[in-house]
């Protein structure tokens, strides 16, 4: 079963770039590429953001499987993203950090 994810971003902002990169890594490493990703720039498609009631970016929306769930932020805290989407795929015996290696947050980028 494929997971359908839609990421709303604002242009090429740093937060948008981090969210795109973190989402792709999340899909590869945790969801074994069993997801369909659609990236929507609200500067180019404001009507879609308005219809979906997107108030902040970046926002990730899990559209399938139900229920629809939303996570706001750069998606750098993988555990919280999976939990927020209802996709908590923890494997027994595995240690989970709040920011696994390879993830970039706005906070880290400013250092």
N, C-alpha and C. Protein backbone atom coordinates (compact mmCIF):
# COMPACT_ATOMS: atom_id res chain seq x y z
N UNK A 1 0.84 -1.17 0.00
CA UNK A 1 0.00 0.00 0.00
C UNK A 1 0.89 1.24 0.00
N UNK A 2 0.70 2.10 -0.99
CA UNK A 2 1.47 3.33 -1.08
C UNK A 2 0.86 4.41 -0.22
N UNK A 3 1.74 5.18 0.40
CA UNK A 3 1.34 6.33 1.19
C UNK A 3 1.38 7.54 0.26
N UNK A 4 0.36 8.37 0.27
CA UNK A 4 0.31 9.56 -0.58
C UNK A 4 0.56 10.78 0.29
N UNK A 5 1.67 11.47 -0.02
CA UNK A 5 2.09 12.64 0.76
C UNK A 5 2.15 13.86 -0.14
N UNK A 6 1.71 14.97 0.40
CA UNK A 6 1.76 16.24 -0.32
C UNK A 6 2.48 17.25 0.56
N UNK A 7 3.57 17.82 0.04
CA UNK A 7 4.35 18.80 0.78
C UNK A 7 4.12 20.18 0.19
N UNK A 8 3.65 21.09 1.04
CA UNK A 8 3.43 22.48 0.63
C UNK A 8 4.64 23.30 1.07
N UNK A 9 5.24 24.01 0.11
CA UNK A 9 6.41 24.82 0.38
C UNK A 9 6.19 26.24 -0.13
N UNK A 10 7.11 27.14 0.25
CA UNK A 10 7.06 28.52 -0.22
C UNK A 10 8.35 28.80 -0.98
N UNK A 11 8.30 28.68 -2.29
CA UNK A 11 9.46 28.98 -3.12
C UNK A 11 10.67 28.14 -2.75
N UNK A 12 11.84 28.77 -2.85
CA UNK A 12 13.11 28.08 -2.58
C UNK A 12 13.69 28.50 -1.24
N UNK A 13 12.84 28.77 -0.27
CA UNK A 13 13.32 29.17 1.05
C UNK A 13 14.15 28.04 1.65
N UNK A 14 14.97 28.39 2.61
CA UNK A 14 15.81 27.40 3.28
C UNK A 14 14.95 26.32 3.94
N UNK A 15 13.90 26.74 4.61
CA UNK A 15 13.00 25.76 5.27
C UNK A 15 12.38 24.82 4.24
N UNK A 16 12.01 25.36 3.09
CA UNK A 16 11.42 24.53 2.03
C UNK A 16 12.43 23.51 1.52
N UNK A 17 13.66 23.95 1.29
CA UNK A 17 14.70 23.06 0.80
C UNK A 17 14.98 21.94 1.81
N UNK A 18 15.03 22.30 3.09
CA UNK A 18 15.26 21.29 4.14
C UNK A 18 14.12 20.30 4.19
N UNK A 19 12.90 20.80 4.10
CA UNK A 19 11.74 19.91 4.17
C UNK A 19 11.73 18.93 3.00
N UNK A 20 12.05 19.40 1.80
CA UNK A 20 12.08 18.52 0.63
C UNK A 20 13.14 17.43 0.81
N UNK A 21 14.33 17.83 1.22
CA UNK A 21 15.42 16.87 1.42
C UNK A 21 15.07 15.86 2.52
N UNK A 22 14.56 16.37 3.65
CA UNK A 22 14.22 15.48 4.76
C UNK A 22 13.09 14.52 4.39
N UNK A 23 12.12 15.00 3.61
CA UNK A 23 11.02 14.12 3.19
C UNK A 23 11.52 13.02 2.27
N UNK A 24 12.39 13.36 1.34
CA UNK A 24 12.92 12.33 0.43
C UNK A 24 13.71 11.28 1.19
N UNK A 25 14.51 11.72 2.15
CA UNK A 25 15.28 10.76 2.97
C UNK A 25 14.35 9.89 3.81
N UNK A 26 13.33 10.50 4.38
CA UNK A 26 12.36 9.76 5.19
C UNK A 26 11.68 8.68 4.35
N UNK A 27 11.28 9.04 3.14
CA UNK A 27 10.60 8.07 2.27
C UNK A 27 11.54 6.94 1.86
N UNK A 28 12.80 7.26 1.59
CA UNK A 28 13.76 6.22 1.20
C UNK A 28 14.10 5.31 2.37
N UNK A 29 14.40 5.90 3.51
CA UNK A 29 14.95 5.13 4.62
C UNK A 29 13.91 4.49 5.53
N UNK A 30 12.79 5.12 5.72
CA UNK A 30 11.78 4.59 6.65
C UNK A 30 10.59 3.95 5.93
N UNK A 31 10.22 4.49 4.80
CA UNK A 31 9.03 4.01 4.11
C UNK A 31 9.39 3.16 2.89
N UNK A 32 10.67 2.86 2.74
CA UNK A 32 11.16 2.02 1.65
C UNK A 32 10.58 2.43 0.30
N UNK A 33 10.53 3.74 0.07
CA UNK A 33 10.03 4.31 -1.19
C UNK A 33 8.59 3.88 -1.51
N UNK A 34 7.84 3.47 -0.49
CA UNK A 34 6.45 3.09 -0.69
C UNK A 34 5.53 4.30 -0.50
N UNK A 35 5.96 5.42 -1.08
CA UNK A 35 5.14 6.62 -0.97
C UNK A 35 5.20 7.41 -2.26
N UNK A 36 4.13 8.09 -2.50
CA UNK A 36 4.02 8.98 -3.65
C UNK A 36 4.09 10.40 -3.08
N UNK A 37 5.03 11.19 -3.59
CA UNK A 37 5.24 12.54 -3.07
C UNK A 37 4.83 13.56 -4.12
N UNK A 38 4.06 14.54 -3.70
CA UNK A 38 3.72 15.68 -4.55
C UNK A 38 4.18 16.92 -3.80
N UNK A 39 4.96 17.76 -4.47
CA UNK A 39 5.44 19.00 -3.86
C UNK A 39 4.74 20.16 -4.53
N UNK A 40 4.11 20.99 -3.70
CA UNK A 40 3.33 22.12 -4.21
C UNK A 40 3.90 23.41 -3.65
N UNK A 41 4.31 24.28 -4.55
CA UNK A 41 4.80 25.61 -4.18
C UNK A 41 3.59 26.53 -4.12
N UNK A 42 3.28 27.03 -2.93
CA UNK A 42 2.07 27.84 -2.78
C UNK A 42 2.21 29.22 -3.43
N UNK A 43 3.43 29.62 -3.77
CA UNK A 43 3.60 30.88 -4.51
C UNK A 43 3.12 30.71 -5.94
N UNK A 44 3.26 29.51 -6.48
CA UNK A 44 2.81 29.22 -7.84
C UNK A 44 1.37 28.72 -7.88
N UNK A 45 0.89 28.14 -6.78
CA UNK A 45 -0.45 27.55 -6.73
C UNK A 45 -1.19 27.96 -5.46
N UNK A 46 -1.42 29.25 -5.26
CA UNK A 46 -2.07 29.69 -4.01
C UNK A 46 -3.49 29.15 -3.84
N UNK A 47 -4.16 28.87 -4.94
CA UNK A 47 -5.54 28.37 -4.85
C UNK A 47 -5.59 26.99 -4.21
N UNK A 48 -4.59 26.16 -4.48
CA UNK A 48 -4.55 24.82 -3.87
C UNK A 48 -4.34 24.94 -2.36
N UNK A 49 -3.42 25.81 -1.96
CA UNK A 49 -3.17 26.02 -0.53
C UNK A 49 -4.43 26.54 0.16
N UNK A 50 -5.14 27.41 -0.50
CA UNK A 50 -6.37 27.95 0.08
C UNK A 50 -7.43 26.85 0.23
N UNK A 51 -7.59 26.03 -0.80
CA UNK A 51 -8.57 24.93 -0.74
C UNK A 51 -8.24 23.95 0.37
N UNK A 52 -6.95 23.68 0.57
CA UNK A 52 -6.51 22.72 1.57
C UNK A 52 -6.33 23.33 2.96
N UNK A 53 -6.57 24.64 3.05
CA UNK A 53 -6.46 25.37 4.32
C UNK A 53 -5.05 25.27 4.92
N UNK A 54 -4.05 25.50 4.06
CA UNK A 54 -2.65 25.50 4.49
C UNK A 54 -2.33 26.90 4.99
N UNK A 55 -1.99 27.01 6.27
CA UNK A 55 -1.74 28.31 6.90
C UNK A 55 -0.26 28.60 7.11
N UNK A 56 0.57 27.59 7.05
CA UNK A 56 2.01 27.76 7.27
C UNK A 56 2.76 26.79 6.37
N UNK A 57 3.99 27.15 6.05
CA UNK A 57 4.82 26.25 5.26
C UNK A 57 6.19 26.14 5.91
N UNK A 58 6.86 25.04 5.70
CA UNK A 58 6.41 23.85 4.98
C UNK A 58 5.39 23.05 5.79
N UNK A 59 4.41 22.50 5.09
CA UNK A 59 3.41 21.62 5.70
C UNK A 59 3.33 20.34 4.89
N UNK A 60 3.43 19.21 5.58
CA UNK A 60 3.31 17.90 4.95
C UNK A 60 1.93 17.34 5.28
N UNK A 61 1.22 16.89 4.24
CA UNK A 61 -0.12 16.32 4.41
C UNK A 61 -0.10 14.87 3.94
N UNK A 62 -0.51 13.97 4.82
CA UNK A 62 -0.69 12.56 4.43
C UNK A 62 -2.14 12.44 3.98
N UNK A 63 -2.32 12.16 2.70
CA UNK A 63 -3.67 12.08 2.14
C UNK A 63 -4.20 10.65 2.13
N UNK A 64 -3.29 9.66 2.04
CA UNK A 64 -3.69 8.26 2.02
C UNK A 64 -2.58 7.46 2.67
N UNK A 65 -2.87 6.50 3.48
CA UNK A 65 -4.19 6.03 3.91
C UNK A 65 -4.83 7.00 4.91
N UNK A 66 -6.15 6.88 4.99
CA UNK A 66 -6.91 7.72 5.91
C UNK A 66 -6.50 7.43 7.34
N UNK A 67 -6.64 8.36 8.24
CA UNK A 67 -7.17 9.71 8.09
C UNK A 67 -6.10 10.67 7.57
N UNK A 68 -6.58 11.79 7.00
CA UNK A 68 -5.67 12.84 6.55
C UNK A 68 -5.01 13.45 7.79
N UNK A 69 -3.69 13.64 7.72
CA UNK A 69 -2.95 14.22 8.85
C UNK A 69 -1.96 15.23 8.31
N UNK A 70 -1.63 16.24 9.15
CA UNK A 70 -0.72 17.31 8.75
C UNK A 70 0.40 17.48 9.77
N UNK A 71 1.60 17.78 9.24
CA UNK A 71 2.76 18.07 10.07
C UNK A 71 3.38 19.35 9.51
N UNK A 72 3.65 20.30 10.38
CA UNK A 72 4.24 21.58 9.97
C UNK A 72 5.69 21.63 10.42
N UNK A 73 6.58 22.10 9.54
CA UNK A 73 7.98 22.26 9.89
C UNK A 73 8.90 21.68 8.84
N UNK A 74 10.21 21.68 9.13
CA UNK A 74 11.19 21.24 8.15
C UNK A 74 11.40 19.72 8.13
N UNK A 75 10.63 18.99 8.92
CA UNK A 75 10.61 17.53 8.93
C UNK A 75 11.92 16.91 9.40
N UNK A 76 12.70 17.66 10.16
CA UNK A 76 14.00 17.18 10.62
C UNK A 76 13.89 16.20 11.79
N UNK A 77 12.77 16.22 12.49
CA UNK A 77 12.59 15.31 13.63
C UNK A 77 11.75 14.12 13.17
N UNK A 78 12.44 13.18 12.60
CA UNK A 78 11.83 12.04 11.92
C UNK A 78 10.80 11.30 12.76
N UNK A 79 11.14 11.01 14.01
CA UNK A 79 10.23 10.27 14.89
C UNK A 79 8.91 11.02 15.05
N UNK A 80 8.99 12.31 15.25
CA UNK A 80 7.79 13.12 15.44
C UNK A 80 6.99 13.23 14.15
N UNK A 81 7.66 13.28 13.02
CA UNK A 81 6.96 13.33 11.73
C UNK A 81 6.18 12.04 11.52
N UNK A 82 6.82 10.90 11.71
CA UNK A 82 6.14 9.62 11.53
C UNK A 82 4.96 9.48 12.48
N UNK A 83 5.17 9.86 13.72
CA UNK A 83 4.08 9.78 14.71
C UNK A 83 2.94 10.72 14.31
N UNK A 84 3.28 11.95 13.94
CA UNK A 84 2.26 12.93 13.56
C UNK A 84 1.44 12.50 12.35
N UNK A 85 2.06 11.74 11.47
CA UNK A 85 1.35 11.25 10.28
C UNK A 85 0.63 9.94 10.54
N UNK A 86 0.82 9.40 11.73
CA UNK A 86 0.21 8.11 12.04
C UNK A 86 0.95 6.96 11.36
N UNK A 87 2.25 7.16 11.09
CA UNK A 87 3.06 6.16 10.42
C UNK A 87 4.24 5.75 11.30
N UNK A 88 4.00 5.57 12.57
CA UNK A 88 5.08 5.23 13.50
C UNK A 88 5.56 3.82 13.20
N UNK A 89 6.70 3.74 12.51
CA UNK A 89 7.21 2.45 12.04
C UNK A 89 8.41 1.97 12.83
N UNK A 90 8.44 2.23 14.10
CA UNK A 90 9.60 1.86 14.91
C UNK A 90 9.87 0.37 14.83
N UNK A 91 11.15 0.08 14.71
CA UNK A 91 11.56 -1.32 14.64
C UNK A 91 12.13 -1.71 16.00
N UNK A 92 11.77 -2.87 16.51
CA UNK A 92 12.29 -3.30 17.82
C UNK A 92 13.82 -3.30 17.83
N UNK A 93 14.38 -2.80 18.91
CA UNK A 93 15.81 -2.81 19.08
C UNK A 93 16.55 -1.67 18.42
N UNK A 94 15.85 -0.83 17.69
CA UNK A 94 16.49 0.29 17.00
C UNK A 94 16.40 1.54 17.86
N UNK A 95 17.48 2.30 17.92
CA UNK A 95 17.50 3.55 18.67
C UNK A 95 17.12 4.69 17.74
N UNK A 96 16.25 5.55 18.19
CA UNK A 96 15.79 6.68 17.38
C UNK A 96 16.23 7.98 18.02
N UNK A 97 16.95 8.78 17.26
CA UNK A 97 17.35 10.11 17.70
C UNK A 97 16.30 11.10 17.22
N UNK A 98 16.26 12.28 17.87
CA UNK A 98 15.30 13.28 17.41
C UNK A 98 15.71 13.84 16.06
N UNK A 99 17.01 13.87 15.77
CA UNK A 99 17.50 14.32 14.47
C UNK A 99 18.55 13.33 13.99
N UNK A 100 18.13 12.30 13.26
CA UNK A 100 19.07 11.31 12.77
C UNK A 100 20.12 11.94 11.86
N UNK A 101 21.29 11.31 11.71
CA UNK A 101 22.33 11.84 10.84
C UNK A 101 21.79 12.10 9.44
N UNK A 102 22.25 13.18 8.83
CA UNK A 102 21.82 13.50 7.48
C UNK A 102 20.67 14.46 7.42
N UNK A 103 19.95 14.66 8.51
CA UNK A 103 18.83 15.57 8.54
C UNK A 103 19.35 16.98 8.82
N UNK A 104 18.73 17.95 8.20
CA UNK A 104 19.13 19.33 8.41
C UNK A 104 17.92 20.09 8.91
N UNK A 105 18.11 20.79 10.01
CA UNK A 105 17.04 21.65 10.52
C UNK A 105 17.48 23.09 10.33
N UNK A 106 16.53 24.01 10.40
CA UNK A 106 16.86 25.43 10.29
C UNK A 106 17.81 25.83 11.38
N UNK A 107 17.63 25.26 12.57
CA UNK A 107 18.48 25.56 13.72
C UNK A 107 19.92 25.16 13.42
N UNK A 108 20.10 23.95 12.86
CA UNK A 108 21.45 23.47 12.54
C UNK A 108 22.08 24.30 11.43
N UNK A 109 21.30 24.71 10.46
CA UNK A 109 21.82 25.44 9.31
C UNK A 109 22.37 26.80 9.72
N UNK A 110 21.84 27.37 10.79
CA UNK A 110 22.27 28.69 11.25
C UNK A 110 23.57 28.67 12.03
N UNK A 111 24.07 27.50 12.33
CA UNK A 111 25.29 27.38 13.15
C UNK A 111 26.52 27.49 12.31
